[in-house]
Amino acid sequence: MSMVPFVLIRHGEQNAGWDVDRDPALSAAGVAQAQAMAQALGAVDGRALVTSPLRRARETAAAVEARWGLPALVEPRVAELPSDGLDLKERGAWLRGVLAGKWSAQPANLADWRAGILDLLRDLRRPTVIVSHFVVINAVIGHAIGDDRIMPAIPDHCSINRFVLDAGEIRLVELGAQRESLIG
């Protein structure tokens, strides 16, 4: 089997935090970030486009859809870390706790969520661009480099993180732009 390159892109800046809105839109800055990222990706070149179903990711992917003239496939497995049952006000503290931890210490639902992401990526058969979220990208980076931390990197909004699937193994090729603040 040949190597399959893929890119994970964090959505653009959203207009509300994790503890304010379950599915925020992009801010004006986020729209501009998405347009710049789409320009940086260049021509479609046979790549597939996949996006999380969440609004901020869909709006980020829309910039690539417009440039490529190609609709994105909506894939629930690359949606943000599930926080089922948590009140909006509880989510921020919960997320900070998760981000400070390790995958090996997480409950089964989060381990299964991560496994679903990795299974999706191992099934890729053509070069693919995936617009997703902070923790999704970190889950893949950590797996690729053998780091059990939930947050081995701090991908910036619209950062382009390059990987390759090589004989079923996910390898990190290049980290995208990093930022100083954790989430938002």
N, C-alpha and C. Protein backbone atom coordinates (compact mmCIF):
# COMPACT_ATOMS: atom_id res chain seq x y z
N MET A 1 0.85 -1.18 0.00
CA MET A 1 0.00 0.00 0.00
C MET A 1 0.89 1.25 0.00
N SER A 2 0.53 2.20 -0.80
CA SER A 2 1.30 3.44 -0.86
C SER A 2 0.93 4.36 0.30
N MET A 3 1.74 5.36 0.50
CA MET A 3 1.49 6.33 1.56
C MET A 3 0.35 7.26 1.15
N VAL A 4 -0.48 7.61 2.12
CA VAL A 4 -1.61 8.51 1.89
C VAL A 4 -1.42 9.74 2.76
N PRO A 5 -1.13 10.88 2.14
CA PRO A 5 -1.00 12.11 2.94
C PRO A 5 -2.37 12.64 3.35
N PHE A 6 -2.42 13.21 4.54
CA PHE A 6 -3.64 13.89 4.96
C PHE A 6 -3.28 15.08 5.83
N VAL A 7 -4.20 16.01 5.88
CA VAL A 7 -4.00 17.26 6.60
C VAL A 7 -5.14 17.43 7.59
N LEU A 8 -4.81 17.79 8.81
CA LEU A 8 -5.81 18.16 9.81
C LEU A 8 -5.72 19.66 10.04
N ILE A 9 -6.84 20.34 9.87
CA ILE A 9 -6.89 21.80 10.03
C ILE A 9 -7.82 22.13 11.17
N ARG A 10 -7.35 22.96 12.08
CA ARG A 10 -8.23 23.43 13.14
C ARG A 10 -9.14 24.51 12.56
N HIS A 11 -10.38 24.51 12.99
CA HIS A 11 -11.34 25.54 12.56
C HIS A 11 -10.82 26.94 12.87
N GLY A 12 -11.41 27.93 12.23
CA GLY A 12 -11.08 29.33 12.51
C GLY A 12 -11.62 29.76 13.87
N GLU A 13 -11.21 30.95 14.26
CA GLU A 13 -11.64 31.50 15.56
C GLU A 13 -13.17 31.58 15.61
N GLN A 14 -13.74 31.10 16.70
CA GLN A 14 -15.19 31.15 16.85
C GLN A 14 -15.60 32.40 17.62
N ASN A 15 -16.90 32.69 17.56
CA ASN A 15 -17.39 33.92 18.19
C ASN A 15 -17.87 33.73 19.62
N ALA A 16 -17.68 32.53 20.19
CA ALA A 16 -18.07 32.27 21.58
C ALA A 16 -17.24 31.11 22.12
N GLY A 17 -17.04 31.08 23.42
CA GLY A 17 -16.25 30.04 24.06
C GLY A 17 -17.03 28.76 24.32
N TRP A 18 -16.30 27.74 24.73
CA TRP A 18 -16.84 26.41 24.99
C TRP A 18 -17.92 26.42 26.07
N ASP A 19 -17.82 27.36 27.00
CA ASP A 19 -18.77 27.41 28.11
C ASP A 19 -19.91 28.40 27.86
N VAL A 20 -20.00 28.92 26.63
CA VAL A 20 -21.02 29.91 26.28
C VAL A 20 -22.00 29.37 25.23
N ASP A 21 -21.48 28.65 24.24
CA ASP A 21 -22.30 28.20 23.11
C ASP A 21 -21.82 26.81 22.70
N ARG A 22 -22.74 25.87 22.57
CA ARG A 22 -22.36 24.50 22.18
C ARG A 22 -21.90 24.40 20.72
N ASP A 23 -22.35 25.32 19.90
CA ASP A 23 -22.02 25.23 18.48
C ASP A 23 -21.87 26.63 17.88
N PRO A 24 -20.83 27.35 18.29
CA PRO A 24 -20.68 28.74 17.83
C PRO A 24 -20.27 28.85 16.36
N ALA A 25 -20.59 30.00 15.80
CA ALA A 25 -20.17 30.35 14.44
C ALA A 25 -18.74 30.89 14.49
N LEU A 26 -18.17 31.14 13.31
CA LEU A 26 -16.88 31.81 13.24
C LEU A 26 -17.05 33.30 13.53
N SER A 27 -16.03 33.88 14.11
CA SER A 27 -15.97 35.34 14.24
C SER A 27 -15.53 35.91 12.90
N ALA A 28 -15.54 37.23 12.77
CA ALA A 28 -15.04 37.85 11.53
C ALA A 28 -13.58 37.47 11.30
N ALA A 29 -12.79 37.43 12.38
CA ALA A 29 -11.39 37.02 12.25
C ALA A 29 -11.30 35.57 11.79
N GLY A 30 -12.19 34.72 12.29
CA GLY A 30 -12.20 33.31 11.89
C GLY A 30 -12.51 33.12 10.42
N VAL A 31 -13.42 33.93 9.89
CA VAL A 31 -13.73 33.87 8.45
C VAL A 31 -12.49 34.25 7.64
N ALA A 32 -11.80 35.29 8.06
CA ALA A 32 -10.57 35.72 7.36
C ALA A 32 -9.49 34.64 7.46
N GLN A 33 -9.37 34.00 8.63
CA GLN A 33 -8.39 32.91 8.80
C GLN A 33 -8.72 31.76 7.85
N ALA A 34 -9.99 31.43 7.73
CA ALA A 34 -10.41 30.33 6.85
C ALA A 34 -10.08 30.65 5.40
N GLN A 35 -10.32 31.88 4.99
CA GLN A 35 -10.02 32.26 3.60
C GLN A 35 -8.52 32.19 3.33
N ALA A 36 -7.71 32.64 4.28
CA ALA A 36 -6.25 32.57 4.12
C ALA A 36 -5.78 31.12 4.08
N MET A 37 -6.35 30.27 4.92
CA MET A 37 -5.98 28.86 4.94
C MET A 37 -6.35 28.19 3.62
N ALA A 38 -7.53 28.48 3.09
CA ALA A 38 -7.95 27.90 1.81
C ALA A 38 -6.98 28.30 0.70
N GLN A 39 -6.55 29.54 0.73
CA GLN A 39 -5.56 30.02 -0.25
C GLN A 39 -4.25 29.24 -0.10
N ALA A 40 -3.82 29.04 1.15
CA ALA A 40 -2.56 28.33 1.42
C ALA A 40 -2.62 26.87 0.98
N LEU A 41 -3.79 26.26 1.02
CA LEU A 41 -3.92 24.86 0.59
C LEU A 41 -3.72 24.68 -0.90
N GLY A 42 -3.99 25.72 -1.67
CA GLY A 42 -3.81 25.64 -3.12
C GLY A 42 -4.95 24.89 -3.80
N ALA A 43 -4.66 24.37 -4.98
CA ALA A 43 -5.67 23.70 -5.81
C ALA A 43 -6.06 22.35 -5.21
N VAL A 44 -7.20 21.84 -5.62
CA VAL A 44 -7.75 20.61 -5.07
C VAL A 44 -6.83 19.40 -5.29
N ASP A 45 -6.24 19.27 -6.47
CA ASP A 45 -5.29 18.19 -6.77
C ASP A 45 -5.79 16.81 -6.37
N GLY A 46 -7.07 16.53 -6.54
CA GLY A 46 -7.59 15.20 -6.25
C GLY A 46 -7.83 14.90 -4.78
N ARG A 47 -7.62 15.86 -3.91
CA ARG A 47 -7.81 15.62 -2.48
C ARG A 47 -9.30 15.61 -2.11
N ALA A 48 -9.63 14.78 -1.16
CA ALA A 48 -10.98 14.78 -0.58
C ALA A 48 -11.03 15.86 0.49
N LEU A 49 -12.23 16.36 0.76
CA LEU A 49 -12.44 17.36 1.80
C LEU A 49 -13.47 16.83 2.78
N VAL A 50 -13.09 16.80 4.05
CA VAL A 50 -13.94 16.27 5.12
C VAL A 50 -14.04 17.33 6.21
N THR A 51 -15.20 17.43 6.85
CA THR A 51 -15.35 18.39 7.94
C THR A 51 -16.16 17.81 9.09
N SER A 52 -15.88 18.31 10.26
CA SER A 52 -16.71 18.06 11.43
C SER A 52 -18.10 18.63 11.17
N PRO A 53 -19.13 18.08 11.78
CA PRO A 53 -20.47 18.64 11.60
C PRO A 53 -20.70 19.94 12.38
N LEU A 54 -19.79 20.31 13.25
CA LEU A 54 -20.00 21.51 14.05
C LEU A 54 -19.84 22.77 13.21
N ARG A 55 -20.62 23.78 13.56
CA ARG A 55 -20.74 24.99 12.74
C ARG A 55 -19.40 25.66 12.45
N ARG A 56 -18.55 25.83 13.45
CA ARG A 56 -17.28 26.52 13.23
C ARG A 56 -16.39 25.77 12.24
N ALA A 57 -16.45 24.45 12.26
CA ALA A 57 -15.68 23.65 11.29
C ALA A 57 -16.32 23.73 9.91
N ARG A 58 -17.65 23.63 9.85
CA ARG A 58 -18.34 23.71 8.56
C ARG A 58 -18.09 25.06 7.89
N GLU A 59 -18.13 26.14 8.69
CA GLU A 59 -17.89 27.47 8.12
C GLU A 59 -16.43 27.61 7.68
N THR A 60 -15.51 26.98 8.38
CA THR A 60 -14.10 27.00 7.95
C THR A 60 -13.95 26.21 6.65
N ALA A 61 -14.55 25.04 6.59
CA ALA A 61 -14.48 24.21 5.38
C ALA A 61 -15.13 24.90 4.19
N ALA A 62 -16.11 25.76 4.44
CA ALA A 62 -16.79 26.46 3.34
C ALA A 62 -15.81 27.27 2.50
N ALA A 63 -14.77 27.80 3.12
CA ALA A 63 -13.77 28.56 2.36
C ALA A 63 -13.03 27.65 1.38
N VAL A 64 -12.76 26.41 1.81
CA VAL A 64 -12.09 25.44 0.93
C VAL A 64 -13.08 24.96 -0.14
N GLU A 65 -14.32 24.71 0.25
CA GLU A 65 -15.35 24.31 -0.72
C GLU A 65 -15.46 25.34 -1.84
N ALA A 66 -15.47 26.61 -1.48
CA ALA A 66 -15.59 27.68 -2.48
C ALA A 66 -14.38 27.70 -3.40
N ARG A 67 -13.20 27.52 -2.85
CA ARG A 67 -11.97 27.55 -3.65
C ARG A 67 -11.89 26.33 -4.57
N TRP A 68 -12.26 25.17 -4.05
CA TRP A 68 -12.12 23.93 -4.80
C TRP A 68 -13.35 23.59 -5.64
N GLY A 69 -14.49 24.22 -5.38
CA GLY A 69 -15.71 23.85 -6.09
C GLY A 69 -16.13 22.43 -5.77
N LEU A 70 -15.94 22.04 -4.53
CA LEU A 70 -16.14 20.66 -4.10
C LEU A 70 -16.81 20.66 -2.73
N PRO A 71 -17.92 19.93 -2.57
CA PRO A 71 -18.54 19.90 -1.24
C PRO A 71 -17.75 19.02 -0.27
N ALA A 72 -17.75 19.43 0.98
CA ALA A 72 -17.08 18.64 2.02
C ALA A 72 -18.00 17.51 2.47
N LEU A 73 -17.41 16.39 2.78
CA LEU A 73 -18.12 15.28 3.40
C LEU A 73 -18.17 15.56 4.90
N VAL A 74 -19.36 15.55 5.47
CA VAL A 74 -19.50 15.78 6.92
C VAL A 74 -19.28 14.45 7.64
N GLU A 75 -18.33 14.46 8.57
CA GLU A 75 -17.93 13.23 9.26
C GLU A 75 -18.01 13.44 10.78
N PRO A 76 -19.00 12.84 11.44
CA PRO A 76 -19.18 13.02 12.88
C PRO A 76 -17.99 12.56 13.73
N ARG A 77 -17.19 11.62 13.23
CA ARG A 77 -16.05 11.13 14.03
C ARG A 77 -14.98 12.19 14.24
N VAL A 78 -14.98 13.28 13.47
CA VAL A 78 -13.99 14.33 13.70
C VAL A 78 -14.60 15.55 14.39
N ALA A 79 -15.76 15.34 15.03
CA ALA A 79 -16.36 16.41 15.84
C ALA A 79 -15.55 16.56 17.13
N GLU A 80 -15.79 17.64 17.84
CA GLU A 80 -15.04 17.93 19.06
C GLU A 80 -15.29 16.88 20.14
N LEU A 81 -14.40 16.86 21.09
CA LEU A 81 -14.46 15.99 22.26
C LEU A 81 -15.87 15.98 22.86
N PRO A 82 -16.48 14.81 23.02
CA PRO A 82 -17.85 14.77 23.55
C PRO A 82 -17.91 15.18 25.02
N SER A 83 -18.87 16.02 25.32
CA SER A 83 -19.08 16.46 26.71
C SER A 83 -20.54 16.22 27.09
N ASP A 84 -21.05 15.08 26.69
CA ASP A 84 -22.46 14.73 26.88
C ASP A 84 -22.89 14.89 28.33
N GLY A 85 -24.05 15.51 28.50
CA GLY A 85 -24.63 15.63 29.82
C GLY A 85 -24.11 16.78 30.66
N LEU A 86 -23.10 17.48 30.19
CA LEU A 86 -22.56 18.59 30.97
C LEU A 86 -23.28 19.88 30.63
N ASP A 87 -23.61 20.63 31.63
CA ASP A 87 -24.17 21.96 31.48
C ASP A 87 -23.10 22.87 30.86
N LEU A 88 -23.51 23.85 30.10
CA LEU A 88 -22.54 24.78 29.47
C LEU A 88 -21.56 25.34 30.49
N LYS A 89 -22.04 25.71 31.66
CA LYS A 89 -21.17 26.32 32.67
C LYS A 89 -20.16 25.33 33.24
N GLU A 90 -20.48 24.04 33.19
CA GLU A 90 -19.57 23.01 33.69
C GLU A 90 -18.49 22.64 32.68
N ARG A 91 -18.75 22.91 31.42
CA ARG A 91 -17.87 22.44 30.35
C ARG A 91 -16.46 23.01 30.42
N GLY A 92 -16.32 24.29 30.73
CA GLY A 92 -14.99 24.90 30.76
C GLY A 92 -14.07 24.23 31.77
N ALA A 93 -14.55 24.08 33.01
CA ALA A 93 -13.74 23.44 34.06
C ALA A 93 -13.45 21.98 33.70
N TRP A 94 -14.47 21.28 33.19
CA TRP A 94 -14.28 19.89 32.78
C TRP A 94 -13.20 19.79 31.71
N LEU A 95 -13.28 20.65 30.69
CA LEU A 95 -12.32 20.61 29.60
C LEU A 95 -10.91 20.91 30.09
N ARG A 96 -10.75 21.89 30.95
CA ARG A 96 -9.42 22.19 31.50
C ARG A 96 -8.84 20.97 32.21
N GLY A 97 -9.68 20.25 32.94
CA GLY A 97 -9.22 19.04 33.61
C GLY A 97 -8.80 17.96 32.63
N VAL A 98 -9.59 17.76 31.59
CA VAL A 98 -9.26 16.76 30.57
C VAL A 98 -7.95 17.13 29.88
N LEU A 99 -7.81 18.38 29.48
CA LEU A 99 -6.61 18.81 28.75
C LEU A 99 -5.34 18.64 29.56
N ALA A 100 -5.44 18.69 30.87
CA ALA A 100 -4.26 18.53 31.73
C ALA A 100 -3.90 17.06 31.92
N GLY A 101 -4.73 16.15 31.42
CA GLY A 101 -4.55 14.73 31.68
C GLY A 101 -3.88 13.95 30.57
N LYS A 102 -4.01 12.63 30.70
CA LYS A 102 -3.44 11.69 29.74
C LYS A 102 -4.55 10.80 29.20
N TRP A 103 -4.36 10.32 27.99
CA TRP A 103 -5.37 9.45 27.38
C TRP A 103 -5.58 8.18 28.19
N SER A 104 -4.51 7.63 28.73
CA SER A 104 -4.62 6.38 29.48
C SER A 104 -5.46 6.52 30.75
N ALA A 105 -5.71 7.74 31.20
CA ALA A 105 -6.50 7.97 32.42
C ALA A 105 -7.94 8.38 32.11
N GLN A 106 -8.33 8.40 30.86
CA GLN A 106 -9.66 8.87 30.48
C GLN A 106 -10.70 7.75 30.53
N PRO A 107 -11.96 8.11 30.71
CA PRO A 107 -13.02 7.10 30.72
C PRO A 107 -13.20 6.47 29.33
N ALA A 108 -13.90 5.36 29.31
CA ALA A 108 -14.07 4.59 28.07
C ALA A 108 -14.68 5.40 26.94
N ASN A 109 -15.63 6.29 27.25
CA ASN A 109 -16.26 7.04 26.15
C ASN A 109 -15.25 7.93 25.42
N LEU A 110 -14.29 8.50 26.13
CA LEU A 110 -13.28 9.34 25.46
C LEU A 110 -12.25 8.48 24.74
N ALA A 111 -11.89 7.34 25.32
CA ALA A 111 -10.98 6.42 24.63
C ALA A 111 -11.62 5.91 23.34
N ASP A 112 -12.91 5.60 23.39
CA ASP A 112 -13.62 5.14 22.19
C ASP A 112 -13.71 6.25 21.15
N TRP A 113 -13.94 7.47 21.60
CA TRP A 113 -13.99 8.63 20.69
C TRP A 113 -12.67 8.76 19.94
N ARG A 114 -11.56 8.70 20.69
CA ARG A 114 -10.23 8.80 20.07
C ARG A 114 -10.00 7.63 19.10
N ALA A 115 -10.37 6.43 19.50
CA ALA A 115 -10.19 5.26 18.63
C ALA A 115 -10.97 5.42 17.33
N GLY A 116 -12.15 6.02 17.39
CA GLY A 116 -12.94 6.26 16.19
C GLY A 116 -12.25 7.19 15.21
N ILE A 117 -11.59 8.21 15.75
CA ILE A 117 -10.83 9.15 14.90
C ILE A 117 -9.69 8.40 14.22
N LEU A 118 -8.93 7.64 15.00
CA LEU A 118 -7.77 6.93 14.44
C LEU A 118 -8.21 5.89 13.42
N ASP A 119 -9.33 5.20 13.68
CA ASP A 119 -9.85 4.23 12.70
C ASP A 119 -10.21 4.92 11.39
N LEU A 120 -10.87 6.06 11.47
CA LEU A 120 -11.22 6.82 10.27
C LEU A 120 -9.97 7.14 9.46
N LEU A 121 -8.94 7.62 10.14
CA LEU A 121 -7.71 8.01 9.44
C LEU A 121 -7.00 6.80 8.84
N ARG A 122 -7.01 5.68 9.52
CA ARG A 122 -6.37 4.47 8.99
C ARG A 122 -7.09 3.94 7.76
N ASP A 123 -8.36 4.32 7.60
CA ASP A 123 -9.14 3.88 6.44
C ASP A 123 -9.02 4.81 5.23
N LEU A 124 -8.28 5.90 5.35
CA LEU A 124 -8.13 6.83 4.21
C LEU A 124 -7.47 6.12 3.04
N ARG A 125 -7.98 6.37 1.84
CA ARG A 125 -7.42 5.75 0.64
C ARG A 125 -6.93 6.78 -0.37
N ARG A 126 -7.18 8.06 -0.08
CA ARG A 126 -6.69 9.11 -0.98
C ARG A 126 -6.31 10.32 -0.14
N PRO A 127 -5.47 11.20 -0.68
CA PRO A 127 -5.10 12.41 0.06
C PRO A 127 -6.36 13.16 0.51
N THR A 128 -6.36 13.61 1.75
CA THR A 128 -7.57 14.18 2.34
C THR A 128 -7.22 15.38 3.21
N VAL A 129 -8.08 16.38 3.15
CA VAL A 129 -8.01 17.55 4.03
C VAL A 129 -9.20 17.44 4.97
N ILE A 130 -8.93 17.51 6.27
CA ILE A 130 -9.97 17.37 7.29
C ILE A 130 -9.99 18.61 8.16
N VAL A 131 -11.15 19.27 8.22
CA VAL A 131 -11.32 20.44 9.08
C VAL A 131 -11.96 19.96 10.38
N SER A 132 -11.27 20.21 11.48
CA SER A 132 -11.71 19.63 12.73
C SER A 132 -11.42 20.57 13.90
N HIS A 133 -11.03 19.98 15.04
CA HIS A 133 -10.97 20.71 16.30
C HIS A 133 -9.67 20.45 17.06
N PHE A 134 -9.44 21.30 18.04
CA PHE A 134 -8.23 21.30 18.87
C PHE A 134 -7.90 19.92 19.44
N VAL A 135 -8.85 19.30 20.13
CA VAL A 135 -8.56 18.03 20.80
C VAL A 135 -8.44 16.90 19.78
N VAL A 136 -9.20 16.95 18.71
CA VAL A 136 -9.07 15.93 17.65
C VAL A 136 -7.64 15.95 17.11
N ILE A 137 -7.16 17.13 16.77
CA ILE A 137 -5.81 17.26 16.21
C ILE A 137 -4.78 16.79 17.22
N ASN A 138 -4.95 17.16 18.48
CA ASN A 138 -4.03 16.72 19.52
C ASN A 138 -4.07 15.21 19.71
N ALA A 139 -5.24 14.60 19.60
CA ALA A 139 -5.35 13.15 19.73
C ALA A 139 -4.51 12.46 18.66
N VAL A 140 -4.54 12.99 17.46
CA VAL A 140 -3.79 12.40 16.35
C VAL A 140 -2.30 12.68 16.49
N ILE A 141 -1.94 13.90 16.86
CA ILE A 141 -0.53 14.22 17.07
C ILE A 141 0.05 13.31 18.15
N GLY A 142 -0.64 13.22 19.28
CA GLY A 142 -0.15 12.38 20.38
C GLY A 142 0.04 10.94 19.95
N HIS A 143 -0.93 10.40 19.23
CA HIS A 143 -0.81 9.03 18.73
C HIS A 143 0.40 8.89 17.81
N ALA A 144 0.55 9.83 16.90
CA ALA A 144 1.62 9.75 15.90
C ALA A 144 3.01 9.81 16.53
N ILE A 145 3.15 10.57 17.61
CA ILE A 145 4.48 10.73 18.22
C ILE A 145 4.65 9.90 19.49
N GLY A 146 3.64 9.11 19.84
CA GLY A 146 3.74 8.26 21.02
C GLY A 146 3.67 9.03 22.33
N ASP A 147 2.90 10.10 22.37
CA ASP A 147 2.77 10.95 23.56
C ASP A 147 1.36 10.75 24.13
N ASP A 148 1.26 10.29 25.36
CA ASP A 148 -0.01 9.98 26.00
C ASP A 148 -0.75 11.22 26.50
N ARG A 149 -0.11 12.38 26.48
CA ARG A 149 -0.79 13.60 26.95
C ARG A 149 -1.95 13.94 26.03
N ILE A 150 -3.02 14.47 26.63
CA ILE A 150 -4.17 14.92 25.83
C ILE A 150 -3.74 16.07 24.92
N MET A 151 -2.82 16.90 25.41
CA MET A 151 -2.47 18.12 24.69
C MET A 151 -0.96 18.22 24.45
N PRO A 152 -0.42 17.45 23.52
CA PRO A 152 1.00 17.57 23.22
C PRO A 152 1.35 18.79 22.36
N ALA A 153 0.33 19.47 21.83
CA ALA A 153 0.56 20.64 20.98
C ALA A 153 -0.57 21.64 21.22
N ILE A 154 -0.40 22.83 20.70
CA ILE A 154 -1.43 23.87 20.81
C ILE A 154 -1.69 24.44 19.41
N PRO A 155 -2.41 23.69 18.56
CA PRO A 155 -2.63 24.16 17.19
C PRO A 155 -3.44 25.45 17.15
N ASP A 156 -2.95 26.39 16.39
CA ASP A 156 -3.62 27.68 16.23
C ASP A 156 -4.85 27.51 15.34
N HIS A 157 -5.69 28.51 15.33
CA HIS A 157 -6.85 28.50 14.44
C HIS A 157 -6.37 28.41 12.99
N CYS A 158 -6.97 27.54 12.23
CA CYS A 158 -6.66 27.30 10.81
C CYS A 158 -5.24 26.82 10.57
N SER A 159 -4.60 26.25 11.59
CA SER A 159 -3.27 25.67 11.38
C SER A 159 -3.40 24.43 10.50
N ILE A 160 -2.42 24.24 9.65
CA ILE A 160 -2.39 23.13 8.70
C ILE A 160 -1.37 22.12 9.21
N ASN A 161 -1.85 21.00 9.73
CA ASN A 161 -1.01 19.96 10.33
C ASN A 161 -0.95 18.78 9.37
N ARG A 162 0.25 18.43 8.95
CA ARG A 162 0.42 17.43 7.89
C ARG A 162 0.85 16.07 8.47
N PHE A 163 0.20 15.03 7.96
CA PHE A 163 0.45 13.66 8.38
C PHE A 163 0.54 12.78 7.14
N VAL A 164 0.96 11.54 7.36
CA VAL A 164 0.91 10.55 6.30
C VAL A 164 0.49 9.22 6.93
N LEU A 165 -0.34 8.49 6.21
CA LEU A 165 -0.70 7.13 6.59
C LEU A 165 0.25 6.23 5.81
N ASP A 166 1.07 5.49 6.51
CA ASP A 166 2.11 4.66 5.89
C ASP A 166 1.95 3.23 6.40
N ALA A 167 1.46 2.35 5.54
CA ALA A 167 1.25 0.94 5.91
C ALA A 167 0.43 0.83 7.19
N GLY A 168 -0.62 1.63 7.30
CA GLY A 168 -1.50 1.58 8.45
C GLY A 168 -1.05 2.38 9.66
N GLU A 169 0.13 2.95 9.59
CA GLU A 169 0.66 3.76 10.70
C GLU A 169 0.50 5.25 10.38
N ILE A 170 0.07 6.00 11.37
CA ILE A 170 -0.10 7.45 11.22
C ILE A 170 1.18 8.13 11.68
N ARG A 171 1.77 8.90 10.78
CA ARG A 171 3.01 9.62 11.11
C ARG A 171 2.81 11.11 10.94
N LEU A 172 3.36 11.87 11.87
CA LEU A 172 3.34 13.33 11.78
C LEU A 172 4.44 13.77 10.83
N VAL A 173 4.09 14.58 9.85
CA VAL A 173 5.06 15.12 8.90
C VAL A 173 5.46 16.53 9.31
N GLU A 174 4.45 17.36 9.64
CA GLU A 174 4.74 18.76 9.98
C GLU A 174 3.62 19.33 10.84
N LEU A 175 4.01 19.89 11.98
CA LEU A 175 3.04 20.61 12.82
C LEU A 175 2.70 21.92 12.15
N GLY A 176 1.44 22.30 12.25
CA GLY A 176 1.02 23.61 11.77
C GLY A 176 1.35 24.67 12.80
N ALA A 177 0.92 25.89 12.53
CA ALA A 177 1.17 27.02 13.44
C ALA A 177 0.61 26.71 14.82
N GLN A 178 1.36 27.08 15.82
CA GLN A 178 0.97 26.88 17.21
C GLN A 178 0.60 28.22 17.84
N ARG A 179 -0.19 28.17 18.91
CA ARG A 179 -0.59 29.41 19.59
C ARG A 179 -0.25 29.33 21.07
N GLU A 180 -0.36 30.45 21.74
CA GLU A 180 -0.01 30.49 23.16
C GLU A 180 -1.16 30.12 24.08
N SER A 181 -2.39 30.54 23.77
CA SER A 181 -3.50 30.19 24.65
C SER A 181 -4.06 28.84 24.26
N LEU A 182 -4.63 28.15 25.22
CA LEU A 182 -5.04 26.77 25.00
C LEU A 182 -6.21 26.61 24.07
N ILE A 183 -7.34 27.17 24.41
CA ILE A 183 -8.54 26.94 23.62
C ILE A 183 -9.28 28.24 23.41
N GLY A 184 -10.26 28.18 22.54
CA GLY A 184 -11.05 29.38 22.29
C GLY A 184 -11.24 29.59 20.82
